[in-house]
Structure formats: C-alpha cells, structure tokens
Full PDB file with SEQRES, HELIX, SHEET, SSBOND, CRYST1, ORIGX, SCALE, CONECT and MASTER records, all heavy atoms in Angstrom:
SEQRES   1 A   40  LEU TYR ALA ARG ALA ALA ASN VAL VAL ARG TYR GLU GLY          
SEQRES   2 A   40  PRO GLU HIS PRO ARG LEU LEU ILE LEU LEU ALA ALA PRO          
SEQRES   3 A   40  LYS PRO GLY GLU PRO THR GLY ASN PHE PHE GLN SER PRO          
SEQRES   4 A   40  THR                                                          
HELIX    1 AA1 PHE A   35  GLN A   37  5                                   3    
CRYST1    1.000    1.000    1.000  90.00  90.00  90.00 P 1           1          
ORIGX1      1.000000  0.000000  0.000000        0.00000                         
ORIGX2      0.000000  1.000000  0.000000        0.00000                         
ORIGX3      0.000000  0.000000  1.000000        0.00000                         
SCALE1      1.000000  0.000000  0.000000        0.00000                         
SCALE2      0.000000  1.000000  0.000000        0.00000                         
SCALE3      0.000000  0.000000  1.000000        0.00000                         
ATOM      1  N   LEU A   1       8.103   1.219  25.441  1.00  0.00           N  
ATOM      2  CA  LEU A   1       8.350  -0.194  25.686  1.00  0.00           C  
ATOM      3  C   LEU A   1       7.239  -0.953  26.330  1.00  0.00           C  
ATOM      4  O   LEU A   1       7.096  -2.174  26.190  1.00  0.00           O  
ATOM      5  CB  LEU A   1       9.663  -0.275  26.588  1.00  0.00           C  
ATOM      6  CG  LEU A   1      10.939   0.000  25.888  1.00  0.00           C  
ATOM      7  CD1 LEU A   1      12.059   0.068  26.965  1.00  0.00           C  
ATOM      8  CD2 LEU A   1      11.277  -1.018  24.873  1.00  0.00           C  
ATOM      9  N   TYR A   2       6.401  -0.235  27.117  1.00  0.00           N  
ATOM     10  CA  TYR A   2       5.271  -0.800  27.874  1.00  0.00           C  
ATOM     11  C   TYR A   2       3.959  -0.271  27.481  1.00  0.00           C  
ATOM     12  O   TYR A   2       2.993  -0.465  28.232  1.00  0.00           O  
ATOM     13  CB  TYR A   2       5.478  -0.672  29.399  1.00  0.00           C  
ATOM     14  CG  TYR A   2       6.782  -1.343  29.883  1.00  0.00           C  
ATOM     15  CD1 TYR A   2       7.831  -0.610  30.317  1.00  0.00           C  
ATOM     16  CD2 TYR A   2       6.894  -2.737  29.942  1.00  0.00           C  
ATOM     17  CE1 TYR A   2       9.031  -1.136  30.705  1.00  0.00           C  
ATOM     18  CE2 TYR A   2       8.045  -3.334  30.338  1.00  0.00           C  
ATOM     19  CZ  TYR A   2       9.108  -2.540  30.789  1.00  0.00           C  
ATOM     20  OH  TYR A   2      10.285  -3.164  31.217  1.00  0.00           O  
ATOM     21  N   ALA A   3       3.815   0.345  26.323  1.00  0.00           N  
ATOM     22  CA  ALA A   3       2.576   0.897  25.964  1.00  0.00           C  
ATOM     23  C   ALA A   3       1.523  -0.129  25.642  1.00  0.00           C  
ATOM     24  O   ALA A   3       0.282   0.063  25.942  1.00  0.00           O  
ATOM     25  CB  ALA A   3       2.802   1.773  24.715  1.00  0.00           C  
ATOM     26  N   ARG A   4       1.959  -1.383  25.208  1.00  0.00           N  
ATOM     27  CA  ARG A   4       1.027  -2.414  24.938  1.00  0.00           C  
ATOM     28  C   ARG A   4       0.947  -3.440  26.053  1.00  0.00           C  
ATOM     29  O   ARG A   4       0.347  -4.486  25.931  1.00  0.00           O  
ATOM     30  CB  ARG A   4       1.356  -3.102  23.655  1.00  0.00           C  
ATOM     31  CG  ARG A   4       1.347  -2.128  22.360  1.00  0.00           C  
ATOM     32  CD  ARG A   4       1.673  -2.907  21.076  1.00  0.00           C  
ATOM     33  NE  ARG A   4       1.588  -2.068  19.982  1.00  0.00           N  
ATOM     34  CZ  ARG A   4       1.866  -2.493  18.674  1.00  0.00           C  
ATOM     35  NH1 ARG A   4       2.215  -3.761  18.485  1.00  0.00           N  
ATOM     36  NH2 ARG A   4       1.815  -1.589  17.725  1.00  0.00           N  
ATOM     37  N   ALA A   5       1.663  -3.303  27.124  1.00  0.00           N  
ATOM     38  CA  ALA A   5       1.761  -4.252  28.239  1.00  0.00           C  
ATOM     39  C   ALA A   5       0.400  -4.220  28.933  1.00  0.00           C  
ATOM     40  O   ALA A   5      -0.182  -3.142  29.333  1.00  0.00           O  
ATOM     41  CB  ALA A   5       2.814  -3.967  29.168  1.00  0.00           C  
ATOM     42  N   ALA A   6      -0.177  -5.368  29.343  1.00  0.00           N  
ATOM     43  CA  ALA A   6      -1.392  -5.386  30.077  1.00  0.00           C  
ATOM     44  C   ALA A   6      -1.216  -4.944  31.538  1.00  0.00           C  
ATOM     45  O   ALA A   6      -2.173  -4.312  32.119  1.00  0.00           O  
ATOM     46  CB  ALA A   6      -1.923  -6.855  30.046  1.00  0.00           C  
ATOM     47  N   ASN A   7      -0.015  -5.171  32.058  1.00  0.00           N  
ATOM     48  CA  ASN A   7       0.280  -4.885  33.479  1.00  0.00           C  
ATOM     49  C   ASN A   7       1.751  -4.568  33.609  1.00  0.00           C  
ATOM     50  O   ASN A   7       2.539  -5.314  33.050  1.00  0.00           O  
ATOM     51  CB  ASN A   7      -0.201  -5.971  34.457  1.00  0.00           C  
ATOM     52  CG  ASN A   7      -0.016  -5.523  35.856  1.00  0.00           C  
ATOM     53  OD1 ASN A   7      -0.054  -4.365  36.238  1.00  0.00           O  
ATOM     54  ND2 ASN A   7       0.183  -6.564  36.738  1.00  0.00           N  
ATOM     55  N   VAL A   8       2.060  -3.627  34.375  1.00  0.00           N  
ATOM     56  CA  VAL A   8       3.481  -3.297  34.685  1.00  0.00           C  
ATOM     57  C   VAL A   8       3.734  -3.760  36.140  1.00  0.00           C  
ATOM     58  O   VAL A   8       3.184  -3.186  37.090  1.00  0.00           O  
ATOM     59  CB  VAL A   8       3.790  -1.796  34.544  1.00  0.00           C  
ATOM     60  CG1 VAL A   8       5.232  -1.474  34.976  1.00  0.00           C  
ATOM     61  CG2 VAL A   8       3.605  -1.394  33.066  1.00  0.00           C  
ATOM     62  N   VAL A   9       4.579  -4.772  36.231  1.00  0.00           N  
ATOM     63  CA  VAL A   9       4.777  -5.376  37.655  1.00  0.00           C  
ATOM     64  C   VAL A   9       5.533  -4.365  38.492  1.00  0.00           C  
ATOM     65  O   VAL A   9       6.568  -3.816  38.071  1.00  0.00           O  
ATOM     66  CB  VAL A   9       5.586  -6.669  37.474  1.00  0.00           C  
ATOM     67  CG1 VAL A   9       5.751  -7.385  38.853  1.00  0.00           C  
ATOM     68  CG2 VAL A   9       4.702  -7.646  36.542  1.00  0.00           C  
ATOM     69  N   ARG A  10       5.158  -4.218  39.704  1.00  0.00           N  
ATOM     70  CA  ARG A  10       5.820  -3.225  40.609  1.00  0.00           C  
ATOM     71  C   ARG A  10       6.657  -3.913  41.666  1.00  0.00           C  
ATOM     72  O   ARG A  10       6.591  -5.128  41.864  1.00  0.00           O  
ATOM     73  CB  ARG A  10       4.709  -2.387  41.301  1.00  0.00           C  
ATOM     74  CG  ARG A  10       3.838  -1.678  40.286  1.00  0.00           C  
ATOM     75  CD  ARG A  10       3.012  -0.539  40.945  1.00  0.00           C  
ATOM     76  NE  ARG A  10       2.231   0.303  39.994  1.00  0.00           N  
ATOM     77  CZ  ARG A  10       1.803   1.412  40.204  1.00  0.00           C  
ATOM     78  NH1 ARG A  10       2.069   2.037  41.383  1.00  0.00           N  
ATOM     79  NH2 ARG A  10       1.121   2.112  39.265  1.00  0.00           N  
ATOM     80  N   TYR A  11       7.348  -3.108  42.366  1.00  0.00           N  
ATOM     81  CA  TYR A  11       8.246  -3.560  43.406  1.00  0.00           C  
ATOM     82  C   TYR A  11       7.446  -4.158  44.587  1.00  0.00           C  
ATOM     83  O   TYR A  11       6.414  -3.589  44.938  1.00  0.00           O  
ATOM     84  CB  TYR A  11       9.240  -2.465  43.818  1.00  0.00           C  
ATOM     85  CG  TYR A  11       9.846  -2.646  45.149  1.00  0.00           C  
ATOM     86  CD1 TYR A  11      10.891  -3.656  45.333  1.00  0.00           C  
ATOM     87  CD2 TYR A  11       9.468  -2.013  46.347  1.00  0.00           C  
ATOM     88  CE1 TYR A  11      11.504  -3.829  46.521  1.00  0.00           C  
ATOM     89  CE2 TYR A  11      10.064  -2.260  47.540  1.00  0.00           C  
ATOM     90  CZ  TYR A  11      11.028  -3.192  47.639  1.00  0.00           C  
ATOM     91  OH  TYR A  11      11.718  -3.370  48.901  1.00  0.00           O  
ATOM     92  N   GLU A  12       8.008  -5.197  45.172  1.00  0.00           N  
ATOM     93  CA  GLU A  12       7.365  -5.827  46.287  1.00  0.00           C  
ATOM     94  C   GLU A  12       8.368  -5.961  47.513  1.00  0.00           C  
ATOM     95  O   GLU A  12       9.441  -6.614  47.296  1.00  0.00           O  
ATOM     96  CB  GLU A  12       6.784  -7.243  45.929  1.00  0.00           C  
ATOM     97  CG  GLU A  12       6.301  -8.064  47.068  1.00  0.00           C  
ATOM     98  CD  GLU A  12       6.021  -9.466  46.711  1.00  0.00           C  
ATOM     99  OE1 GLU A  12       6.101  -9.901  45.548  1.00  0.00           O  
ATOM    100  OE2 GLU A  12       5.639 -10.277  47.642  1.00  0.00           O  
ATOM    101  N   GLY A  13       8.018  -5.341  48.607  1.00  0.00           N  
ATOM    102  CA  GLY A  13       8.943  -5.469  49.700  1.00  0.00           C  
ATOM    103  C   GLY A  13       8.866  -4.120  50.582  1.00  0.00           C  
ATOM    104  O   GLY A  13       8.068  -3.330  50.383  1.00  0.00           O  
ATOM    105  N   PRO A  14       9.876  -4.058  51.510  1.00  0.00           N  
ATOM    106  CA  PRO A  14       9.846  -2.843  52.410  1.00  0.00           C  
ATOM    107  C   PRO A  14      10.335  -1.672  51.713  1.00  0.00           C  
ATOM    108  O   PRO A  14      10.846  -1.764  50.580  1.00  0.00           O  
ATOM    109  CB  PRO A  14      10.799  -3.319  53.570  1.00  0.00           C  
ATOM    110  CG  PRO A  14      11.658  -4.341  52.928  1.00  0.00           C  
ATOM    111  CD  PRO A  14      10.905  -5.124  51.937  1.00  0.00           C  
ATOM    112  N   GLU A  15      10.363  -0.500  52.404  1.00  0.00           N  
ATOM    113  CA  GLU A  15      10.709   0.750  51.721  1.00  0.00           C  
ATOM    114  C   GLU A  15      12.211   0.759  51.425  1.00  0.00           C  
ATOM    115  O   GLU A  15      12.442   1.165  50.197  1.00  0.00           O  
ATOM    116  CB  GLU A  15      10.378   1.888  52.667  1.00  0.00           C  
ATOM    117  CG  GLU A  15      10.622   3.239  52.158  1.00  0.00           C  
ATOM    118  CD  GLU A  15      10.284   4.423  53.107  1.00  0.00           C  
ATOM    119  OE1 GLU A  15       9.800   4.113  54.199  1.00  0.00           O  
ATOM    120  OE2 GLU A  15      10.438   5.596  52.728  1.00  0.00           O  
ATOM    121  N   HIS A  16      13.030   0.301  52.237  1.00  0.00           N  
ATOM    122  CA  HIS A  16      14.522   0.286  51.934  1.00  0.00           C  
ATOM    123  C   HIS A  16      14.999  -1.007  52.356  1.00  0.00           C  
ATOM    124  O   HIS A  16      15.490  -1.258  53.480  1.00  0.00           O  
ATOM    125  CB  HIS A  16      15.260   1.387  52.645  1.00  0.00           C  
ATOM    126  CG  HIS A  16      14.855   2.763  52.344  1.00  0.00           C  
ATOM    127  ND1 HIS A  16      14.972   3.273  51.040  1.00  0.00           N  
ATOM    128  CD2 HIS A  16      14.290   3.797  53.004  1.00  0.00           C  
ATOM    129  CE1 HIS A  16      14.509   4.504  51.034  1.00  0.00           C  
ATOM    130  NE2 HIS A  16      14.020   4.839  52.165  1.00  0.00           N  
ATOM    131  N   PRO A  17      14.963  -2.122  51.475  1.00  0.00           N  
ATOM    132  CA  PRO A  17      15.293  -3.444  51.782  1.00  0.00           C  
ATOM    133  C   PRO A  17      16.796  -3.609  52.035  1.00  0.00           C  
ATOM    134  O   PRO A  17      17.597  -2.815  51.379  1.00  0.00           O  
ATOM    135  CB  PRO A  17      14.827  -4.227  50.619  1.00  0.00           C  
ATOM    136  CG  PRO A  17      14.876  -3.327  49.470  1.00  0.00           C  
ATOM    137  CD  PRO A  17      14.524  -1.928  50.075  1.00  0.00           C  
ATOM    138  N   ARG A  18      17.221  -4.549  52.874  1.00  0.00           N  
ATOM    139  CA  ARG A  18      18.586  -4.932  52.973  1.00  0.00           C  
ATOM    140  C   ARG A  18      19.062  -5.634  51.783  1.00  0.00           C  
ATOM    141  O   ARG A  18      20.215  -5.406  51.239  1.00  0.00           O  
ATOM    142  CB  ARG A  18      18.849  -5.692  54.240  1.00  0.00           C  
ATOM    143  CG  ARG A  18      18.508  -5.012  55.444  1.00  0.00           C  
ATOM    144  CD  ARG A  18      18.885  -5.883  56.708  1.00  0.00           C  
ATOM    145  NE  ARG A  18      20.318  -6.095  56.751  1.00  0.00           N  
ATOM    146  CZ  ARG A  18      20.892  -7.073  57.548  1.00  0.00           C  
ATOM    147  NH1 ARG A  18      20.164  -7.810  58.303  1.00  0.00           N  
ATOM    148  NH2 ARG A  18      22.190  -7.234  57.471  1.00  0.00           N  
ATOM    149  N   LEU A  19      18.253  -6.588  51.118  1.00  0.00           N  
ATOM    150  CA  LEU A  19      18.543  -7.228  49.899  1.00  0.00           C  
ATOM    151  C   LEU A  19      17.450  -7.137  48.971  1.00  0.00           C  
ATOM    152  O   LEU A  19      16.252  -7.322  49.321  1.00  0.00           O  
ATOM    153  CB  LEU A  19      18.799  -8.735  50.327  1.00  0.00           C  
ATOM    154  CG  LEU A  19      19.975  -9.271  51.133  1.00  0.00           C  
ATOM    155  CD1 LEU A  19      19.892 -10.774  51.318  1.00  0.00           C  
ATOM    156  CD2 LEU A  19      21.217  -8.726  50.594  1.00  0.00           C  
ATOM    157  N   LEU A  20      17.844  -6.703  47.758  1.00  0.00           N  
ATOM    158  CA  LEU A  20      16.867  -6.597  46.659  1.00  0.00           C  
ATOM    159  C   LEU A  20      17.104  -7.676  45.681  1.00  0.00           C  
ATOM    160  O   LEU A  20      18.162  -7.761  45.087  1.00  0.00           O  
ATOM    161  CB  LEU A  20      16.967  -5.193  45.989  1.00  0.00           C  
ATOM    162  CG  LEU A  20      16.072  -5.059  44.748  1.00  0.00           C  
ATOM    163  CD1 LEU A  20      14.608  -5.114  45.154  1.00  0.00           C  
ATOM    164  CD2 LEU A  20      16.385  -3.734  44.046  1.00  0.00           C  
ATOM    165  N   ILE A  21      16.182  -8.599  45.476  1.00  0.00           N  
ATOM    166  CA  ILE A  21      16.299  -9.682  44.551  1.00  0.00           C  
ATOM    167  C   ILE A  21      15.758  -9.156  43.164  1.00  0.00           C  
ATOM    168  O   ILE A  21      14.541  -8.691  43.019  1.00  0.00           O  
ATOM    169  CB  ILE A  21      15.427 -10.908  44.976  1.00  0.00           C  
ATOM    170  CG1 ILE A  21      15.992 -11.431  46.301  1.00  0.00           C  
ATOM    171  CG2 ILE A  21      15.372 -11.947  43.908  1.00  0.00           C  
ATOM    172  CD1 ILE A  21      15.123 -12.481  46.946  1.00  0.00           C  
ATOM    173  N   LEU A  22      16.619  -9.263  42.181  1.00  0.00           N  
ATOM    174  CA  LEU A  22      16.220  -8.842  40.796  1.00  0.00           C  
ATOM    175  C   LEU A  22      16.122 -10.059  39.938  1.00  0.00           C  
ATOM    176  O   LEU A  22      17.159 -10.745  39.690  1.00  0.00           O  
ATOM    177  CB  LEU A  22      17.269  -7.861  40.252  1.00  0.00           C  
ATOM    178  CG  LEU A  22      17.011  -7.333  38.842  1.00  0.00           C  
ATOM    179  CD1 LEU A  22      15.748  -6.405  38.812  1.00  0.00           C  
ATOM    180  CD2 LEU A  22      18.220  -6.631  38.261  1.00  0.00           C  
ATOM    181  N   LEU A  23      14.872 -10.302  39.399  1.00  0.00           N  
ATOM    182  CA  LEU A  23      14.745 -11.339  38.445  1.00  0.00           C  
ATOM    183  C   LEU A  23      14.435 -10.816  37.083  1.00  0.00           C  
ATOM    184  O   LEU A  23      14.146  -9.652  36.967  1.00  0.00           O  
ATOM    185  CB  LEU A  23      13.592 -12.241  38.884  1.00  0.00           C  
ATOM    186  CG  LEU A  23      13.667 -12.993  40.295  1.00  0.00           C  
ATOM    187  CD1 LEU A  23      12.479 -13.757  40.642  1.00  0.00           C  
ATOM    188  CD2 LEU A  23      14.933 -13.802  40.239  1.00  0.00           C  
ATOM    189  N   ALA A  24      14.525 -11.673  36.070  1.00  0.00           N  
ATOM    190  CA  ALA A  24      14.345 -11.228  34.753  1.00  0.00           C  
ATOM    191  C   ALA A  24      12.877 -10.740  34.479  1.00  0.00           C  
ATOM    192  O   ALA A  24      12.642  -9.612  34.011  1.00  0.00           O  
ATOM    193  CB  ALA A  24      14.668 -12.254  33.761  1.00  0.00           C  
ATOM    194  N   ALA A  25      11.996 -11.561  34.827  1.00  0.00           N  
ATOM    195  CA  ALA A  25      10.501 -11.267  34.488  1.00  0.00           C  
ATOM    196  C   ALA A  25       9.707 -12.213  35.381  1.00  0.00           C  
ATOM    197  O   ALA A  25      10.115 -13.210  35.834  1.00  0.00           O  
ATOM    198  CB  ALA A  25      10.129 -11.390  33.106  1.00  0.00           C  
ATOM    199  N   PRO A  26       8.395 -11.839  35.598  1.00  0.00           N  
ATOM    200  CA  PRO A  26       7.565 -12.758  36.350  1.00  0.00           C  
ATOM    201  C   PRO A  26       7.385 -14.076  35.660  1.00  0.00           C  
ATOM    202  O   PRO A  26       7.259 -14.128  34.427  1.00  0.00           O  
ATOM    203  CB  PRO A  26       6.216 -11.963  36.465  1.00  0.00           C  
ATOM    204  CG  PRO A  26       6.544 -10.547  36.279  1.00  0.00           C  
ATOM    205  CD  PRO A  26       7.739 -10.530  35.273  1.00  0.00           C  
ATOM    206  N   LYS A  27       7.405 -15.204  36.317  1.00  0.00           N  
ATOM    207  CA  LYS A  27       7.228 -16.461  35.787  1.00  0.00           C  
ATOM    208  C   LYS A  27       5.724 -16.670  35.408  1.00  0.00           C  
ATOM    209  O   LYS A  27       4.860 -16.357  36.245  1.00  0.00           O  
ATOM    210  CB  LYS A  27       7.714 -17.528  36.778  1.00  0.00           C  
ATOM    211  CG  LYS A  27       7.733 -18.907  36.169  1.00  0.00           C  
ATOM    212  CD  LYS A  27       8.296 -19.932  37.137  1.00  0.00           C  
ATOM    213  CE  LYS A  27       8.421 -21.276  36.502  1.00  0.00           C  
ATOM    214  NZ  LYS A  27       9.039 -22.274  37.509  1.00  0.00           N  
ATOM    215  N   PRO A  28       5.466 -17.200  34.240  1.00  0.00           N  
ATOM    216  CA  PRO A  28       4.027 -17.376  33.871  1.00  0.00           C  
ATOM    217  C   PRO A  28       3.323 -18.284  34.852  1.00  0.00           C  
ATOM    218  O   PRO A  28       3.899 -19.421  35.264  1.00  0.00           O  
ATOM    219  CB  PRO A  28       4.144 -18.090  32.532  1.00  0.00           C  
ATOM    220  CG  PRO A  28       5.492 -17.571  31.926  1.00  0.00           C  
ATOM    221  CD  PRO A  28       6.419 -17.548  33.132  1.00  0.00           C  
ATOM    222  N   GLY A  29       2.196 -17.977  35.307  1.00  0.00           N  
ATOM    223  CA  GLY A  29       1.396 -18.715  36.264  1.00  0.00           C  
ATOM    224  C   GLY A  29       1.742 -18.508  37.707  1.00  0.00           C  
ATOM    225  O   GLY A  29       1.072 -19.015  38.587  1.00  0.00           O  
ATOM    226  N   GLU A  30       2.724 -17.652  37.994  1.00  0.00           N  
ATOM    227  CA  GLU A  30       3.113 -17.305  39.343  1.00  0.00           C  
ATOM    228  C   GLU A  30       2.249 -16.156  39.807  1.00  0.00           C  
ATOM    229  O   GLU A  30       2.179 -15.089  39.100  1.00  0.00           O  
ATOM    230  CB  GLU A  30       4.549 -16.996  39.428  1.00  0.00           C  
ATOM    231  CG  GLU A  30       5.075 -16.878  40.793  1.00  0.00           C  
ATOM    232  CD  GLU A  30       6.660 -16.780  40.837  1.00  0.00           C  
ATOM    233  OE1 GLU A  30       7.108 -15.702  40.467  1.00  0.00           O  
ATOM    234  OE2 GLU A  30       7.310 -17.690  41.072  1.00  0.00           O  
ATOM    235  N   PRO A  31       1.571 -16.194  40.974  1.00  0.00           N  
ATOM    236  CA  PRO A  31       0.788 -15.061  41.409  1.00  0.00           C  
ATOM    237  C   PRO A  31       1.595 -13.823  41.663  1.00  0.00           C  
ATOM    238  O   PRO A  31       2.697 -13.884  42.367  1.00  0.00           O  
ATOM    239  CB  PRO A  31       0.102 -15.623  42.717  1.00  0.00           C  
ATOM    240  CG  PRO A  31       0.961 -16.654  43.131  1.00  0.00           C  
ATOM    241  CD  PRO A  31       1.587 -17.309  41.913  1.00  0.00           C  
ATOM    242  N   THR A  32       1.200 -12.650  41.148  1.00  0.00           N  
ATOM    243  CA  THR A  32       1.935 -11.403  41.350  1.00  0.00           C  
ATOM    244  C   THR A  32       1.647 -10.917  42.730  1.00  0.00           C  
ATOM    245  O   THR A  32       0.544 -10.905  43.266  1.00  0.00           O  
ATOM    246  CB  THR A  32       1.392 -10.386  40.317  1.00  0.00           C  
ATOM    247  OG1 THR A  32       1.485 -10.929  38.938  1.00  0.00           O  
ATOM    248  CG2 THR A  32       2.259  -9.088  40.363  1.00  0.00           C  
ATOM    249  N   GLY A  33       2.777 -10.497  43.380  1.00  0.00           N  
ATOM    250  CA  GLY A  33       2.733  -9.937  44.710  1.00  0.00           C  
ATOM    251  C   GLY A  33       2.967 -10.982  45.790  1.00  0.00           C  
ATOM    252  O   GLY A  33       3.015 -10.591  47.037  1.00  0.00           O  
ATOM    253  N   ASN A  34       3.094 -12.287  45.476  1.00  0.00           N  
ATOM    254  CA  ASN A  34       3.335 -13.322  46.469  1.00  0.00           C  
ATOM    255  C   ASN A  34       4.496 -14.156  46.107  1.00  0.00           C  
ATOM    256  O   ASN A  34       4.471 -15.342  46.212  1.00  0.00           O  
ATOM    257  CB  ASN A  34       2.001 -14.124  46.562  1.00  0.00           C  
ATOM    258  CG  ASN A  34       0.846 -13.342  47.154  1.00  0.00           C  
ATOM    259  OD1 ASN A  34       0.984 -12.620  48.023  1.00  0.00           O  
ATOM    260  ND2 ASN A  34      -0.335 -13.598  46.465  1.00  0.00           N  
ATOM    261  N   PHE A  35       5.591 -13.492  45.605  1.00  0.00           N  
ATOM    262  CA  PHE A  35       6.719 -14.321  45.203  1.00  0.00           C  
ATOM    263  C   PHE A  35       7.315 -15.037  46.374  1.00  0.00           C  
ATOM    264  O   PHE A  35       7.726 -16.287  46.205  1.00  0.00           O  
ATOM    265  CB  PHE A  35       7.767 -13.389  44.620  1.00  0.00           C  
ATOM    266  CG  PHE A  35       9.139 -14.109  44.332  1.00  0.00           C  
ATOM    267  CD1 PHE A  35       9.273 -14.920  43.272  1.00  0.00           C  
ATOM    268  CD2 PHE A  35      10.180 -13.911  45.212  1.00  0.00           C  
ATOM    269  CE1 PHE A  35      10.463 -15.534  43.022  1.00  0.00           C  
ATOM    270  CE2 PHE A  35      11.433 -14.571  45.020  1.00  0.00           C  
ATOM    271  CZ  PHE A  35      11.539 -15.397  43.899  1.00  0.00           C  
ATOM    272  N   PHE A  36       7.428 -14.474  47.607  1.00  0.00           N  
ATOM    273  CA  PHE A  36       8.095 -15.205  48.663  1.00  0.00           C  
ATOM    274  C   PHE A  36       7.255 -16.296  49.218  1.00  0.00           C  
ATOM    275  O   PHE A  36       7.650 -16.968  50.149  1.00  0.00           O  
ATOM    276  CB  PHE A  36       8.412 -14.166  49.819  1.00  0.00           C  
ATOM    277  CG  PHE A  36       9.472 -13.157  49.322  1.00  0.00           C  
ATOM    278  CD1 PHE A  36       9.080 -11.865  49.044  1.00  0.00           C  
ATOM    279  CD2 PHE A  36      10.857 -13.543  49.175  1.00  0.00           C  
ATOM    280  CE1 PHE A  36      10.053 -10.962  48.700  1.00  0.00           C  
ATOM    281  CE2 PHE A  36      11.805 -12.668  48.802  1.00  0.00           C  
ATOM    282  CZ  PHE A  36      11.421 -11.351  48.510  1.00  0.00           C  
ATOM    283  N   GLN A  37       5.980 -16.467  48.792  1.00  0.00           N  
ATOM    284  CA  GLN A  37       5.167 -17.651  49.116  1.00  0.00           C  
ATOM    285  C   GLN A  37       5.327 -18.755  48.123  1.00  0.00           C  
ATOM    286  O   GLN A  37       4.775 -19.896  48.330  1.00  0.00           O  
ATOM    287  CB  GLN A  37       3.723 -17.289  49.284  1.00  0.00           C  
ATOM    288  CG  GLN A  37       3.401 -16.554  50.578  1.00  0.00           C  
ATOM    289  CD  GLN A  37       3.949 -15.126  50.638  1.00  0.00           C  
ATOM    290  OE1 GLN A  37       3.810 -14.407  49.655  1.00  0.00           O  
ATOM    291  NE2 GLN A  37       4.467 -14.774  51.782  1.00  0.00           N  
ATOM    292  N   SER A  38       6.062 -18.568  47.022  1.00  0.00           N  
ATOM    293  CA  SER A  38       6.207 -19.584  46.002  1.00  0.00           C  
ATOM    294  C   SER A  38       7.428 -20.534  46.453  1.00  0.00           C  
ATOM    295  O   SER A  38       8.202 -20.150  47.369  1.00  0.00           O  
ATOM    296  CB  SER A  38       6.576 -18.899  44.651  1.00  0.00           C  
ATOM    297  OG  SER A  38       7.808 -18.235  44.806  1.00  0.00           O  
ATOM    298  N   PRO A  39       7.575 -21.694  45.874  1.00  0.00           N  
ATOM    299  CA  PRO A  39       8.665 -22.551  46.287  1.00  0.00           C  
ATOM    300  C   PRO A  39      10.055 -21.881  46.083  1.00  0.00           C  
ATOM    301  O   PRO A  39      10.888 -22.018  46.950  1.00  0.00           O  
ATOM    302  CB  PRO A  39       8.568 -23.673  45.258  1.00  0.00           C  
ATOM    303  CG  PRO A  39       7.078 -23.774  44.974  1.00  0.00           C  
ATOM    304  CD  PRO A  39       6.679 -22.371  44.887  1.00  0.00           C  
ATOM    305  N   THR A  40      10.277 -21.142  44.985  1.00  0.00           N  
ATOM    306  CA  THR A  40      11.534 -20.450  44.806  1.00  0.00           C  
ATOM    307  C   THR A  40      11.772 -19.356  45.829  1.00  0.00           C  
ATOM    308  O   THR A  40      12.820 -19.194  46.377  1.00  0.00           O  
ATOM    309  CB  THR A  40      11.614 -19.885  43.334  1.00  0.00           C  
ATOM    310  OG1 THR A  40      11.416 -20.922  42.445  1.00  0.00           O  
ATOM    311  CG2 THR A  40      12.969 -19.242  43.177  1.00  0.00           C  
TER     312      THR A  40                                                      
MASTER        0    0    0    1    0    0    0    6  311    1    0    4          
END                                                                             
C-alpha cells in the first residue's frame, strides 16, 4: 500500500495520550509535525 509513497506520516504526540485525534490524511500544504500550530 505504501511502496510508492514518498513519505509515511508518523504519530505526533506524547507516549500515551489522553486524546488521540485521527484524521483521514495530511492536508496538502500543511507542515508535517506541526498540526497543533495550524488554525485547525
């Protein structure tokens, strides 16, 4: 499924979070690893 993917996005957050936010996929143009600094 990911053999041709340029990058596999990894989990961002603490080791055992109280809340895990699951989104469908990274938004185009959004910096990877800084989601909580975005407006959303």
